[in-house]
């Protein structure tokens, strides 16, 4: 886990001083070393900030050169590097380190761009081929690790964070189209153009994609190397076989993600997902486990999960660190937090996570396993019910399935009425209607400056899943819009303190299997994440494995927004956006509306976050 940066150019215009500024900007990502490499002619400059997790010795430092041809700068972890090293050794490769970095280099030397098909991990890396005089870069399947770039003026500049590209002397002009969509519908990404960022001319390599760049011709090529198929479902699978395979894949994923030469800990919320990770770590008994757990707590808040998390910590003899996050923390830490995030955040939940990683840094725990990804792949949110019900209605199974009644018995209030029935029968029409409704809603927002609306509304990009089924919506949230936003928060928040977060639920073999399972393995008898609950049933207290309430990772944002100091921050943010002709001046006279983290029309939080683009 590190920070990467680089300059590849046809003429040596930018030099070592520019690269040094880039690595300086990423110092927080790699507290264990800072180094660079150049081809000697000034056409290729690679930088690296090291956070040493695997083989933390000098011989495994980066940038690393292999067989006098390939040089890499790499951020992430390859969890199956031990198995791949053995496979490559059988092909005749000789290794001088015990690092996963060298395995990536050998894999590229052997398989070229198809090497990524063999990787189980989170990664963003760039490899310079000194024979072909070209750069190859790739990003992991779900986008856990970032890769930003600017391709202009006959050169490619890339880095783990956009601030490093800016440090090389490039401008960072806010992307007003992205800003319009964030302020109106809350989108932090563009599902139509996944390479787009909140800044003009700075792009991100999409998840599950690779990039080739040849400086001699200034040609840049990108392509997607992996795609999850939401339509490839098993017709039938015996329950015993499904449970056994699910358990095997999840346990194997946790075991691999415990591979570390430094102590590992866990993020523990008290919910099902993180509690299950703690249970499996205890079951596996891996040597790297420090038995340290970190939990954000909000005393007095109705969605505080302290008591749930304490049950798990007690059961598995964990040393639990309770991290109380308050409005004071938000006021004091907002500027540094937004500096690390770089782009707007849709709620205060990201800030609470930031404080958890800060505590892990203080306790010198470098690696944390986390439960992120289970909700998006296993249907953990209440919004997924209606998609399942619509799927059942399409198949004429809703009534006899008893699913609607079972959910109501468990207190689920998600609506299902005439509109859902119409959407089931005419899904394409429903998508068009939804898109038009959202655009109309955006155009009618009285806070926005009319000129801002006129110029930017042409690029509004509210979109819906291509497949109108439970799997279709899970695919949309996992691969198109939703999960990558959370992964961005996790990466910036952990790396702000030189920590590493690992996500067992995002092993691609596990995710592919989950998506092949019929929908009733995800929602059954009114229970979300049904197969995970069954797996947890013998491992966790029933109060956790069969909890009826769904509590996301949510802080008391509404209470924080009522704090006079936070209101002052929001007023200042409004002033900035008025000055930039984003908000109408009359907005300055309107009362601030305090909203919970996941409440609709959370406009004042968005203003607070969006204003950071101009500071």
Foldseek 3Di string as FASTA:
>chain_A
DWKKKKKAFLALPFAPVLLVLLQVLQQLQAVPDKDWDDPVRNRIIMIIRHQAWWQPDPQPDDQDDDPNFKTKHKDWAFLCLVVLVVVLVVVPDDDDTRGSVVSLVSLCVPVNPCSLVVTFIFMWMWMQGRVVQKIKIAGAAQQLFWKKWAQDDLMIIIMRDVVSVVSSPDDWAFDLLCLLQCLQPNFQAFLVDRQDHRTPRMGIQAHQKMWMAHSNVSDIDMDHDDAFDLVQADPDDDPVVLLVVLVVLLLVLLVSLLDTPAAEAAEFALALQRLVSLLSCLVVVDPRHPLEYEYEAEPPDPLGNVVSRVQSSVVSVGPYDYQYDDLVCCLVCVVVLLSLLVAFDQFCLLVSLLSRLVVCLVVVRFEYEYRPPCCLLLVQDLVLVLLALLVCVLVVRNVVQCQVVLQVVLVRPPDDDDLSVVCSVPVVVNFVVVQVVSLVSSQPPQFWQNVSCVVNSVSHRDGDFPDSHSSSRSSCCRRRGPRSSVSSSVVSSNSSNNHHYHHSCPRPVSSSSSSNHPSCCQAHSSDGNNSSLVSCVVRHPCCRSVPSDDRDSFHAQLVSCPPPSNVVLLLVLSVLCVVVNGTPPCVSVDDQHRDTSPDPSNNSSSSSRRSVSVD
